[in-house]
C-alpha atoms as a PDB file:
ATOM      1  CA  UNK A   1      67.886  65.720 135.171  1.00  0.00           C
ATOM      2  CA  UNK A   2      67.858  63.425 132.441  1.00  0.00           C
ATOM      3  CA  UNK A   3      66.070  65.688 130.351  1.00  0.00           C
ATOM      4  CA  UNK A   4      68.544  68.577 130.684  1.00  0.00           C
ATOM      5  CA  UNK A   5      71.362  65.788 129.988  1.00  0.00           C
ATOM      6  CA  UNK A   6      69.921  65.082 126.781  1.00  0.00           C
ATOM      7  CA  UNK A   7      69.382  68.804 125.738  1.00  0.00           C
ATOM      8  CA  UNK A   8      73.263  69.544 126.621  1.00  0.00           C
ATOM      9  CA  UNK A   9      74.106  66.308 124.474  1.00  0.00           C
ATOM     10  CA  UNK A  10      71.939  67.755 121.843  1.00  0.00           C
ATOM     11  CA  UNK A  11      73.679  71.018 121.795  1.00  0.00           C
ATOM     12  CA  UNK A  12      76.975  69.932 121.801  1.00  0.00           C
ATOM     13  CA  UNK A  13      76.331  67.722 118.622  1.00  0.00           C
ATOM     14  CA  UNK A  14      75.139  70.700 116.821  1.00  0.00           C
ATOM     15  CA  UNK A  15      78.106  72.675 117.735  1.00  0.00           C
ATOM     16  CA  UNK A  16      80.187  69.751 116.261  1.00  0.00           C
ATOM     17  CA  UNK A  17      78.125  69.667 112.935  1.00  0.00           C
ATOM     18  CA  UNK A  18      77.930  73.546 112.590  1.00  0.00           C
ATOM     19  CA  UNK A  19      81.534  73.951 113.412  1.00  0.00           C
ATOM     20  CA  UNK A  20      82.576  73.588 109.669  1.00  0.00           C
ATOM     21  CA  UNK A  21      79.669  75.544 108.624  1.00  0.00           C
ATOM     22  CA  UNK A  22      81.219  78.577 110.726  1.00  0.00           C
ATOM     23  CA  UNK A  23      84.823  77.918 109.526  1.00  0.00           C
ATOM     24  CA  UNK A  24      84.165  76.308 105.809  1.00  0.00           C
ATOM     25  CA  UNK A  25      88.171  76.256 105.134  1.00  0.00           C
ATOM     26  CA  UNK A  26      87.121  76.990 101.470  1.00  0.00           C
ATOM     27  CA  UNK A  27      87.770  80.315  99.387  1.00  0.00           C
ATOM     28  CA  UNK A  28      85.076  83.098 100.106  1.00  0.00           C
ATOM     29  CA  UNK A  29      82.781  83.444  97.073  1.00  0.00           C
ATOM     30  CA  UNK A  30      83.593  85.021  94.171  1.00  0.00           C
ATOM     31  CA  UNK A  31      87.360  84.728  94.963  1.00  0.00           C
ATOM     32  CA  UNK A  32      90.217  83.315  92.922  1.00  0.00           C
ATOM     33  CA  UNK A  33      94.277  83.290  92.457  1.00  0.00           C
ATOM     34  CA  UNK A  34      95.616  85.873  90.651  1.00  0.00           C
ATOM     35  CA  UNK A  35      96.858  84.314  87.360  1.00  0.00           C
ATOM     36  CA  UNK A  36     100.510  84.723  87.843  1.00  0.00           C
ATOM     37  CA  UNK A  37     100.651  83.174  91.286  1.00  0.00           C
ATOM     38  CA  UNK A  38      99.138  79.637  92.551  1.00  0.00           C
ATOM     39  CA  UNK A  39      98.600  79.055  96.077  1.00  0.00           C
ATOM     40  CA  UNK A  40     100.633  77.093  98.356  1.00  0.00           C
ATOM     41  CA  UNK A  41      99.644  73.917  98.994  1.00  0.00           C
ATOM     42  CA  UNK A  42      96.858  73.433 102.097  1.00  0.00           C
ATOM     43  CA  UNK A  43      95.922  77.209 101.927  1.00  0.00           C
ATOM     44  CA  UNK A  44      92.626  78.836 101.317  1.00  0.00           C
ATOM     45  CA  UNK A  45      91.664  82.050 100.178  1.00  0.00           C
ATOM     46  CA  UNK A  46      90.159  83.775 103.493  1.00  0.00           C
ATOM     47  CA  UNK A  47      89.593  87.511 101.992  1.00  0.00           C
ATOM     48  CA  UNK A  48      89.620  88.532  98.847  1.00  0.00           C
ATOM     49  CA  UNK A  49      89.259  92.067  96.968  1.00  0.00           C
ATOM     50  CA  UNK A  50      89.463  93.339  93.700  1.00  0.00           C
ATOM     51  CA  UNK A  51      89.353  97.244  92.396  1.00  0.00           C
ATOM     52  CA  UNK A  52      89.279  98.238  89.002  1.00  0.00           C
ATOM     53  CA  UNK A  53      91.603 101.014  89.556  1.00  0.00           C
ATOM     54  CA  UNK A  54      93.361 101.707  93.167  1.00  0.00           C
ATOM     55  CA  UNK A  55      96.890 102.086  93.965  1.00  0.00           C
ATOM     56  CA  UNK A  56      99.696 100.721  96.532  1.00  0.00           C
ATOM     57  CA  UNK A  57     102.733 101.731  97.891  1.00  0.00           C
ATOM     58  CA  UNK A  58     105.556  99.394  97.090  1.00  0.00           C
ATOM     59  CA  UNK A  59     109.150  99.407  98.673  1.00  0.00           C
ATOM     60  CA  UNK A  60     112.574  98.493  97.624  1.00  0.00           C
ATOM     61  CA  UNK A  61     115.379  97.205  99.898  1.00  0.00           C
ATOM     62  CA  UNK A  62     116.781 100.987 100.223  1.00  0.00           C
ATOM     63  CA  UNK A  63     113.267 102.141 101.056  1.00  0.00           C
ATOM     64  CA  UNK A  64     112.437 103.923  98.075  1.00  0.00           C
ATOM     65  CA  UNK A  65     108.553 104.140  97.749  1.00  0.00           C
ATOM     66  CA  UNK A  66     106.911 103.246  94.511  1.00  0.00           C
ATOM     67  CA  UNK A  67     103.265 104.331  94.292  1.00  0.00           C
ATOM     68  CA  UNK A  68     101.613 102.364  91.372  1.00  0.00           C
ATOM     69  CA  UNK A  69      97.941 102.631  90.134  1.00  0.00           C
ATOM     70  CA  UNK A  70      96.264 100.077  88.139  1.00  0.00           C
ATOM     71  CA  UNK A  71      93.963  97.327  88.621  1.00  0.00           C
ATOM     72  CA  UNK A  72      94.799  96.036  92.376  1.00  0.00           C
ATOM     73  CA  UNK A  73      93.941  92.658  94.244  1.00  0.00           C
ATOM     74  CA  UNK A  74      93.934  91.923  97.887  1.00  0.00           C
ATOM     75  CA  UNK A  75      94.259  88.319  98.281  1.00  0.00           C
ATOM     76  CA  UNK A  76      94.408  86.911 102.005  1.00  0.00           C
ATOM     77  CA  UNK A  77      95.298  83.236 102.554  1.00  0.00           C
ATOM     78  CA  UNK A  78      95.025  81.161 105.404  1.00  0.00           C
ATOM     79  CA  UNK A  79      96.082  77.488 106.286  1.00  0.00           C
ATOM     80  CA  UNK A  80      93.284  74.774 106.608  1.00  0.00           C
ATOM     81  CA  UNK A  81      93.067  73.063 110.102  1.00  0.00           C
ATOM     82  CA  UNK A  82      95.357  70.066 110.620  1.00  0.00           C
ATOM     83  CA  UNK A  83      98.189  71.001 108.040  1.00  0.00           C
ATOM     84  CA  UNK A  84     101.211  71.764 109.429  1.00  0.00           C
ATOM     85  CA  UNK A  85     102.841  75.547 108.595  1.00  0.00           C
ATOM     86  CA  UNK A  86     105.482  75.784 105.866  1.00  0.00           C
ATOM     87  CA  UNK A  87     106.774  78.765 107.748  1.00  0.00           C
ATOM     88  CA  UNK A  88     107.447  82.255 107.106  1.00  0.00           C
ATOM     89  CA  UNK A  89     110.519  81.829 105.184  1.00  0.00           C
ATOM     90  CA  UNK A  90     109.272  78.945 103.219  1.00  0.00           C
ATOM     91  CA  UNK A  91     106.171  80.934 101.931  1.00  0.00           C
ATOM     92  CA  UNK A  92     108.586  84.274 101.126  1.00  0.00           C
ATOM     93  CA  UNK A  93     111.136  81.773  99.284  1.00  0.00           C
ATOM     94  CA  UNK A  94     108.151  79.875  97.511  1.00  0.00           C
ATOM     95  CA  UNK A  95     107.147  83.320  95.594  1.00  0.00           C
ATOM     96  CA  UNK A  96     110.571  84.789  95.385  1.00  0.00           C
ATOM     97  CA  UNK A  97     111.409  81.865  93.172  1.00  0.00           C
ATOM     98  CA  UNK A  98     108.324  81.567  91.379  1.00  0.00           C
ATOM     99  CA  UNK A  99     108.721  85.169  90.114  1.00  0.00           C
ATOM    100  CA  UNK A 100     112.321  84.875  89.140  1.00  0.00           C
ATOM    101  CA  UNK A 101     111.729  81.894  87.447  1.00  0.00           C
ATOM    102  CA  UNK A 102     109.412  84.089  84.866  1.00  0.00           C
ATOM    103  CA  UNK A 103     112.196  86.601  84.847  1.00  0.00           C
ATOM    104  CA  UNK A 104     110.737  88.908  87.280  1.00  0.00           C
ATOM    105  CA  UNK A 105     112.406  91.392  89.567  1.00  0.00           C
ATOM    106  CA  UNK A 106     112.987  91.271  93.396  1.00  0.00           C
ATOM    107  CA  UNK A 107     113.128  94.582  94.690  1.00  0.00           C
ATOM    108  CA  UNK A 108     113.013  93.541  98.255  1.00  0.00           C
ATOM    109  CA  UNK A 109     113.538  90.226  99.766  1.00  0.00           C
ATOM    110  CA  UNK A 110     112.092  90.748 103.233  1.00  0.00           C
ATOM    111  CA  UNK A 111     109.238  92.782 102.692  1.00  0.00           C
ATOM    112  CA  UNK A 112     108.524  90.777  99.817  1.00  0.00           C
ATOM    113  CA  UNK A 113     108.462  93.480  96.739  1.00  0.00           C
ATOM    114  CA  UNK A 114     108.417  91.856  93.362  1.00  0.00           C
ATOM    115  CA  UNK A 115     107.697  93.376  89.818  1.00  0.00           C
ATOM    116  CA  UNK A 116     107.246  91.478  86.368  1.00  0.00           C
ATOM    117  CA  UNK A 117     106.919  92.942  83.094  1.00  0.00           C
ATOM    118  CA  UNK A 118     104.920  91.288  80.975  1.00  0.00           C
ATOM    119  CA  UNK A 119     104.581  92.594  77.266  1.00  0.00           C
ATOM    120  CA  UNK A 120     102.084  95.711  77.642  1.00  0.00           C
ATOM    121  CA  UNK A 121     101.952  95.592  81.469  1.00  0.00           C
ATOM    122  CA  UNK A 122     103.935  96.031  84.404  1.00  0.00           C
ATOM    123  CA  UNK A 123     102.609  93.741  87.744  1.00  0.00           C
ATOM    124  CA  UNK A 124     103.570  94.649  91.108  1.00  0.00           C
ATOM    125  CA  UNK A 125     103.831  92.339  94.142  1.00  0.00           C
ATOM    126  CA  UNK A 126     103.497  92.780  97.471  1.00  0.00           C
ATOM    127  CA  UNK A 127     103.713  89.881  99.884  1.00  0.00           C
ATOM    128  CA  UNK A 128     103.066  89.643 103.857  1.00  0.00           C
ATOM    129  CA  UNK A 129     103.736  86.753 105.852  1.00  0.00           C
ATOM    130  CA  UNK A 130     102.852  86.160 109.240  1.00  0.00           C
ATOM    131  CA  UNK A 131     105.300  85.012 111.735  1.00  0.00           C
ATOM    132  CA  UNK A 132     104.434  81.370 112.054  1.00  0.00           C
ATOM    133  CA  UNK A 133     103.595  81.337 108.193  1.00  0.00           C
ATOM    134  CA  UNK A 134      99.718  80.433 108.408  1.00  0.00           C
ATOM    135  CA  UNK A 135      98.438  83.463 106.801  1.00  0.00           C
ATOM    136  CA  UNK A 136      99.868  85.413 104.008  1.00  0.00           C
ATOM    137  CA  UNK A 137      98.575  88.286 101.754  1.00  0.00           C
ATOM    138  CA  UNK A 138      99.423  88.986  98.356  1.00  0.00           C
ATOM    139  CA  UNK A 139      98.748  93.020  97.186  1.00  0.00           C
ATOM    140  CA  UNK A 140      98.906  92.739  93.169  1.00  0.00           C
ATOM    141  CA  UNK A 141      98.884  96.218  90.938  1.00  0.00           C
ATOM    142  CA  UNK A 142      98.899  95.640  87.033  1.00  0.00           C
ATOM    143  CA  UNK A 143      99.685  98.651  85.022  1.00  0.00           C
ATOM    144  CA  UNK A 144     100.255  99.279  81.825  1.00  0.00           C
ATOM    145  CA  UNK A 145     103.902  99.596  80.914  1.00  0.00           C
ATOM    146  CA  UNK A 146     104.805 103.031  78.967  1.00  0.00           C
ATOM    147  CA  UNK A 147     103.666 103.193  75.384  1.00  0.00           C
ATOM    148  CA  UNK A 148     105.559 104.761  72.695  1.00  0.00           C
ATOM    149  CA  UNK A 149     102.895 106.313  70.932  1.00  0.00           C
ATOM    150  CA  UNK A 150     104.793 109.301  69.436  1.00  0.00           C
ATOM    151  CA  UNK A 151     107.970 108.907  67.431  1.00  0.00           C
ATOM    152  CA  UNK A 152     110.661 111.659  67.641  1.00  0.00           C
ATOM    153  CA  UNK A 153     110.907 113.820  64.433  1.00  0.00           C
ATOM    154  CA  UNK A 154     114.143 115.056  63.619  1.00  0.00           C
ATOM    155  CA  UNK A 155     112.481 118.465  62.315  1.00  0.00           C
ATOM    156  CA  UNK A 156     110.338 118.971  65.394  1.00  0.00           C
ATOM    157  CA  UNK A 157     113.386 118.152  67.797  1.00  0.00           C
ATOM    158  CA  UNK A 158     115.326 121.198  65.927  1.00  0.00           C
ATOM    159  CA  UNK A 159     112.259 123.542  65.760  1.00  0.00           C
ATOM    160  CA  UNK A 160     112.105 122.982  69.508  1.00  0.00           C
ATOM    161  CA  UNK A 161     115.653 123.777  69.810  1.00  0.00           C
ATOM    162  CA  UNK A 162     115.790 126.774  67.825  1.00  0.00           C
ATOM    163  CA  UNK A 163     112.247 128.298  69.498  1.00  0.00           C
ATOM    164  CA  UNK A 164     113.029 127.440  73.097  1.00  0.00           C
ATOM    165  CA  UNK A 165     116.303 126.228  73.309  1.00  0.00           C
ATOM    166  CA  UNK A 166     115.712 122.607  74.397  1.00  0.00           C
ATOM    167  CA  UNK A 167     113.701 119.713  73.087  1.00  0.00           C
ATOM    168  CA  UNK A 168     111.784 117.332  75.384  1.00  0.00           C
ATOM    169  CA  UNK A 169     112.414 113.853  74.224  1.00  0.00           C
ATOM    170  CA  UNK A 170     110.278 110.922  75.236  1.00  0.00           C
ATOM    171  CA  UNK A 171     111.053 107.908  73.102  1.00  0.00           C
ATOM    172  CA  UNK A 172     114.167 106.731  75.026  1.00  0.00           C
ATOM    173  CA  UNK A 173     113.095 103.745  77.514  1.00  0.00           C
ATOM    174  CA  UNK A 174     115.446 102.146  80.177  1.00  0.00           C
ATOM    175  CA  UNK A 175     115.257  99.076  82.202  1.00  0.00           C
ATOM    176  CA  UNK A 176     113.820  99.576  85.691  1.00  0.00           C
ATOM    177  CA  UNK A 177     115.864 101.205  88.034  1.00  0.00           C
ATOM    178  CA  UNK A 178     118.813 101.029  85.479  1.00  0.00           C
ATOM    179  CA  UNK A 179     120.665 103.183  82.923  1.00  0.00           C
ATOM    180  CA  UNK A 180     120.161 100.007  80.356  1.00  0.00           C
ATOM    181  CA  UNK A 181     118.706 101.425  77.304  1.00  0.00           C
ATOM    182  CA  UNK A 182     116.231  99.355  76.144  1.00  0.00           C
ATOM    183  CA  UNK A 183     115.720  98.291  72.171  1.00  0.00           C
ATOM    184  CA  UNK A 184     112.735  99.923  71.629  1.00  0.00           C
ATOM    185  CA  UNK A 185     114.175 103.471  71.496  1.00  0.00           C
ATOM    186  CA  UNK A 186     116.071 102.847  68.682  1.00  0.00           C
ATOM    187  CA  UNK A 187     113.716 104.874  66.354  1.00  0.00           C
ATOM    188  CA  UNK A 188     114.144 107.981  68.939  1.00  0.00           C
ATOM    189  CA  UNK A 189     118.103 108.011  68.450  1.00  0.00           C
ATOM    190  CA  UNK A 190     117.694 107.686  64.764  1.00  0.00           C
ATOM    191  CA  UNK A 191     116.011 110.789  64.668  1.00  0.00           C
ATOM    192  CA  UNK A 192     118.277 112.674  67.374  1.00  0.00           C
ATOM    193  CA  UNK A 193     121.259 111.369  65.114  1.00  0.00           C
ATOM    194  CA  UNK A 194     119.651 112.703  61.972  1.00  0.00           C
ATOM    195  CA  UNK A 195     118.846 115.925  63.664  1.00  0.00           C
ATOM    196  CA  UNK A 196     122.445 116.706  64.944  1.00  0.00           C
ATOM    197  CA  UNK A 197     123.992 115.385  61.415  1.00  0.00           C
ATOM    198  CA  UNK A 198     121.602 117.934  59.893  1.00  0.00           C
ATOM    199  CA  UNK A 199     122.768 120.693  61.963  1.00  0.00           C
ATOM    200  CA  UNK A 200     126.459 120.202  62.396  1.00  0.00           C
ATOM    201  CA  UNK A 201     127.189 123.228  64.443  1.00  0.00           C
ATOM    202  CA  UNK A 202     124.626 122.362  67.134  1.00  0.00           C
ATOM    203  CA  UNK A 203     125.957 121.325  70.758  1.00  0.00           C
ATOM    204  CA  UNK A 204     123.701 120.187  73.084  1.00  0.00           C
ATOM    205  CA  UNK A 205     123.673 119.147  77.016  1.00  0.00           C
ATOM    206  CA  UNK A 206     121.959 115.591  76.840  1.00  0.00           C
ATOM    207  CA  UNK A 207     119.835 115.976  80.458  1.00  0.00           C
ATOM    208  CA  UNK A 208     118.338 112.837  82.214  1.00  0.00           C
ATOM    209  CA  UNK A 209     115.123 113.635  84.285  1.00  0.00           C
ATOM    210  CA  UNK A 210     113.450 111.297  86.939  1.00  0.00           C
ATOM    211  CA  UNK A 211     110.301 111.495  88.671  1.00  0.00           C
ATOM    212  CA  UNK A 212     110.090 111.850  92.530  1.00  0.00           C
ATOM    213  CA  UNK A 213     110.118 108.142  93.681  1.00  0.00           C
ATOM    214  CA  UNK A 214     112.789 107.292  95.705  1.00  0.00           C
ATOM    215  CA  UNK A 215     115.628 109.568  97.244  1.00  0.00           C
ATOM    216  CA  UNK A 216     116.868 112.737  95.815  1.00  0.00           C
ATOM    217  CA  UNK A 217     120.663 111.766  95.932  1.00  0.00           C
ATOM    218  CA  UNK A 218     119.446 108.506  94.360  1.00  0.00           C
ATOM    219  CA  UNK A 219     117.664 109.961  91.342  1.00  0.00           C
ATOM    220  CA  UNK A 220     120.192 112.438  90.873  1.00  0.00           C
ATOM    221  CA  UNK A 221     122.722 109.707  90.472  1.00  0.00           C
ATOM    222  CA  UNK A 222     120.525 107.675  87.986  1.00  0.00           C
ATOM    223  CA  UNK A 223     119.484 110.802  85.654  1.00  0.00           C
ATOM    224  CA  UNK A 224     123.152 111.185  85.362  1.00  0.00           C
ATOM    225  CA  UNK A 225     123.975 107.763  84.528  1.00  0.00           C
ATOM    226  CA  UNK A 226     121.081 107.584  81.955  1.00  0.00           C
ATOM    227  CA  UNK A 227     122.317 110.750  80.100  1.00  0.00           C
ATOM    228  CA  UNK A 228     125.573 109.219  79.937  1.00  0.00           C
ATOM    229  CA  UNK A 229     124.251 106.442  78.726  1.00  0.00           C
ATOM    230  CA  UNK A 230     122.533 108.277  75.660  1.00  0.00           C
ATOM    231  CA  UNK A 231     125.599 110.257  74.949  1.00  0.00           C
ATOM    232  CA  UNK A 232     127.979 107.161  74.576  1.00  0.00           C
ATOM    233  CA  UNK A 233     125.221 105.501  72.082  1.00  0.00           C
ATOM    234  CA  UNK A 234     125.087 108.494  70.259  1.00  0.00           C
ATOM    235  CA  UNK A 235     128.752 108.564  70.284  1.00  0.00           C
ATOM    236  CA  UNK A 236     129.366 104.819  69.562  1.00  0.00           C
ATOM    237  CA  UNK A 237     126.754 103.684  67.437  1.00  0.00           C
ATOM    238  CA  UNK A 238     125.793 106.741  65.421  1.00  0.00           C
ATOM    239  CA  UNK A 239     129.123 108.458  65.262  1.00  0.00           C
ATOM    240  CA  UNK A 240     127.976 111.849  66.769  1.00  0.00           C
ATOM    241  CA  UNK A 241     131.349 113.475  67.866  1.00  0.00           C
ATOM    242  CA  UNK A 242     131.666 113.581  71.751  1.00  0.00           C
ATOM    243  CA  UNK A 243     132.734 117.195  71.524  1.00  0.00           C
ATOM    244  CA  UNK A 244     129.056 118.025  70.588  1.00  0.00           C
ATOM    245  CA  UNK A 245     127.271 116.335  73.838  1.00  0.00           C
ATOM    246  CA  UNK A 246     127.154 116.759  77.711  1.00  0.00           C
ATOM    247  CA  UNK A 247     125.334 114.539  79.995  1.00  0.00           C
ATOM    248  CA  UNK A 248     123.756 116.197  82.915  1.00  0.00           C
ATOM    249  CA  UNK A 249     121.774 115.008  85.289  1.00  0.00           C
ATOM    250  CA  UNK A 250     118.473 117.029  86.779  1.00  0.00           C
ATOM    251  CA  UNK A 251     116.640 113.941  88.771  1.00  0.00           C
ATOM    252  CA  UNK A 252     113.266 115.073  90.000  1.00  0.00           C
ATOM    253  CA  UNK A 253     113.980 118.602  90.177  1.00  0.00           C
ATOM    254  CA  UNK A 254     112.572 119.983  86.981  1.00  0.00           C
ATOM    255  CA  UNK A 255     108.991 117.931  86.803  1.00  0.00           C
ATOM    256  CA  UNK A 256     106.575 119.173  83.665  1.00  0.00           C
ATOM    257  CA  UNK A 257     103.721 117.407  85.631  1.00  0.00           C
ATOM    258  CA  UNK A 258     102.450 115.927  89.299  1.00  0.00           C
ATOM    259  CA  UNK A 259     104.387 113.392  90.544  1.00  0.00           C
ATOM    260  CA  UNK A 260     101.139 112.319  92.747  1.00  0.00           C
ATOM    261  CA  UNK A 261     100.087 110.094  89.391  1.00  0.00           C
ATOM    262  CA  UNK A 262     101.492 107.529  87.579  1.00  0.00           C
ATOM    263  CA  UNK A 263     100.616 109.430  84.323  1.00  0.00           C
ATOM    264  CA  UNK A 264     102.433 112.717  85.951  1.00  0.00           C
ATOM    265  CA  UNK A 265     105.321 110.292  86.638  1.00  0.00           C
ATOM    266  CA  UNK A 266     105.402 108.975  83.179  1.00  0.00           C
ATOM    267  CA  UNK A 267     105.750 112.608  81.796  1.00  0.00           C
ATOM    268  CA  UNK A 268     108.602 113.769  84.180  1.00  0.00           C
ATOM    269  CA  UNK A 269     110.688 110.415  83.455  1.00  0.00           C
ATOM    270  CA  UNK A 270     112.239 111.936  80.239  1.00  0.00           C
ATOM    271  CA  UNK A 271     115.269 113.166  78.274  1.00  0.00           C
ATOM    272  CA  UNK A 272     115.999 117.168  77.259  1.00  0.00           C
ATOM    273  CA  UNK A 273     118.320 118.188  74.564  1.00  0.00           C
ATOM    274  CA  UNK A 274     119.688 121.758  75.716  1.00  0.00           C
ATOM    275  CA  UNK A 275     121.350 123.876  73.481  1.00  0.00           C
ATOM    276  CA  UNK A 276     124.948 124.738  74.322  1.00  0.00           C
ATOM    277  CA  UNK A 277     125.384 128.451  73.566  1.00  0.00           C
ATOM    278  CA  UNK A 278     129.046 129.261  73.628  1.00  0.00           C
ATOM    279  CA  UNK A 279     130.323 132.774  74.107  1.00  0.00           C
ATOM    280  CA  UNK A 280     132.461 134.397  71.422  1.00  0.00           C
END
């Protein structure tokens, strides 16, 4: 009996000292925080995955879907034993405030979906938090922002309109989900204005196009708003007569590439100048 008792005591002792080994409460091997976001206090990385190229579906408050491709991190954090959970809302607010502080955009506050644009890349963040706030997961995808590789050429624009009746323009950039034109679009506007000034009888539809991310109605409205913004800029800043320009929105209805890839979606987001033929 005494021998069996000693064996039981020895077994319980081994369990007590092996507990921390089974649950080390420390970051898994090879893991690290993403440089953009530090972790919550008293949490450790319980799971970690990195993909050199993968995709993830992000959603905004209107349930529009954005399939983003690029480098991808999936980082799971778990609260260390012995510490009180900050709660689900606190974890969410902490991350939202951190992204806002660096100029990021919050697409959905109870999801949470966020986006940061930094120089040549976009960083998309999906945050999931357990109901008690003791676990949370960051899914982060970095994709290169669209680069202006080709500056519009006035002669090429005119040549395209003469031969096909339209010219595709890729050098006009807008803020995310907005009709606000970015400053880097200026060289393209100068080229369009030069082309229109050189062909004083030419009248065009300025047609906005989007990719197929999000609802049809939303994209139809967005494409028209962007076309109107282009027209207004040509009138106000470049002196083009408003009688020569008409804004139209085609939304995602006239794709030139697949909407299944980011490269294809970039090609579908464009402005076209379509010649207006008047009856004599």
